[in-house]
Protein backbone atom coordinates (compact mmCIF):
# COMPACT_ATOMS: atom_id res chain seq x y z
CA MET A 1 17.79 3.02 10.71
CA TRP A 2 14.99 1.18 12.92
CA ASN A 3 12.00 2.92 10.42
CA TRP A 4 13.65 1.52 7.09
CA MET A 5 14.13 -2.23 8.51
CA MET A 6 10.27 -1.67 9.51
CA LEU A 7 9.48 -0.35 6.41
CA GLY A 8 11.05 -3.34 4.38
CA LEU A 9 9.38 -5.94 7.52
CA GLU A 10 5.88 -4.23 6.87
CA SER A 11 5.98 -3.73 2.92
CA ASN A 12 6.50 -7.38 2.48
CA ARG A 13 3.08 -8.34 4.25
CA VAL A 14 1.24 -5.64 2.17
CA ILE A 15 3.13 -7.81 -0.86
CA GLY A 16 1.72 -10.81 0.12
CA LEU A 17 -1.99 -9.39 0.94
CA ARG A 18 -1.45 -7.58 -2.46
CA MET A 19 -0.45 -11.02 -4.50
CA ALA A 20 -2.82 -13.51 -3.06
CA LYS A 21 -5.37 -10.64 -4.13
CA LEU A 22 -4.50 -10.45 -7.55
CA MET A 23 -4.50 -14.12 -7.75
CA ARG A 24 -8.18 -14.54 -7.72
CA GLY A 25 -8.71 -12.30 -10.40
CA GLY A 26 -11.63 -10.27 -10.88
CA LYS A 27 -12.88 -7.33 -10.91
CA ALA A 28 -11.32 -6.85 -6.79
CA ALA A 29 -7.96 -7.82 -8.60
CA GLN A 30 -7.89 -5.64 -11.57
CA ARG A 31 -8.87 -2.61 -9.28
CA GLU A 32 -6.33 -2.98 -6.76
CA ALA A 33 -4.18 -2.96 -9.50
CA GLN A 34 -4.74 0.31 -10.41
CA LEU A 35 -5.01 1.26 -6.97
CA MET A 36 -1.55 -0.34 -5.97
CA VAL A 37 0.08 2.00 -9.54
CA SER A 38 -1.83 5.08 -8.68
CA GLU A 39 -0.75 4.65 -4.67
CA LYS A 40 3.20 4.54 -6.00
CA PHE A 41 2.95 7.49 -8.52
CA PHE A 42 1.53 9.41 -5.57
CA ALA A 43 3.60 8.46 -3.26
CA ALA A 44 6.63 8.65 -5.15
CA ALA A 45 5.15 12.64 -5.68
CA LYS A 46 5.16 13.16 -2.27
CA ALA A 47 8.64 11.63 -1.35
CA GLY A 48 10.09 13.57 -3.99
CA LYS A 49 8.46 17.21 -2.64
CA SER A 50 8.76 16.10 1.11
CA LEU A 51 12.56 16.20 0.00
CA MET A 52 12.78 19.28 -1.91
CA ALA A 53 11.31 21.00 0.81
CA GLY A 54 13.69 19.55 3.40
CA ALA A 55 12.51 16.82 5.01
CA SER A 56 14.72 14.08 6.22
CA GLY A 57 14.73 10.72 4.53
CA ASP A 58 13.09 9.15 8.27
CA LYS A 59 10.59 11.47 7.96
CA ILE A 60 9.61 10.09 4.33
CA VAL A 61 10.42 6.69 5.39
CA ALA A 62 7.60 7.36 8.45
CA GLN A 63 4.88 8.78 5.42
CA TYR A 64 5.71 5.56 3.46
CA ARG A 65 4.85 3.44 6.51
CA ARG A 66 2.03 5.29 7.29
CA LYS A 67 0.54 4.63 3.95
CA VAL A 68 1.67 0.69 3.88
CA ALA A 69 0.50 0.35 7.34
CA ALA A 70 -3.44 1.57 5.91
CA ASN A 71 -2.91 -0.76 2.99
CA ALA A 72 -1.97 -3.75 5.77
CA LYS A 73 -5.35 -3.03 7.42
CA ARG A 74 -6.94 -2.52 4.28
CA LEU A 75 -6.13 -5.53 2.56
CA SER A 76 -6.53 -7.82 5.68
CA ARG A 77 -10.22 -7.06 6.41
CA LYS A 78 -12.91 -9.92 6.03
CA GLN A 79 -13.79 -9.76 2.52
CA THR A 80 -18.02 -9.58 2.35
CA HIS A 81 -19.67 -10.60 -0.71
CA LYS A 82 -22.68 -9.27 -1.50
CA ARG A 83 -24.62 -11.76 -4.08
CA LYS A 84 -27.43 -10.02 -6.19
CA SER A 85 -30.66 -11.01 -6.01
CA ARG A 86 -32.12 -13.29 -8.68
C-alpha cells in the first residue's frame, strides 16, 4: 500500500513540473509533450509484459516510481538557456 500512496504523491509533483513546462510553450514544451506520450506508451507496455511474466502489483508500481523519480529529477534541474551568437 505504501508504494501506491508514494506513487500518487510523487506523480503529482511531476504533473505540476510538466504543466509548468508546457505552459511556458515553445520547442521545449513540444518536446516534453512528445516525451510524455511516448513514455506512457512504453511504461504501459512494460507493465503489461511484467504482469504476463508474473510480476506483483508492487513490483510494477516500483517500476513506475523509478521512472517518476527520474522525471522529477530531470524536470526540476535548473535549465540553462543557451543564446545564439549574433
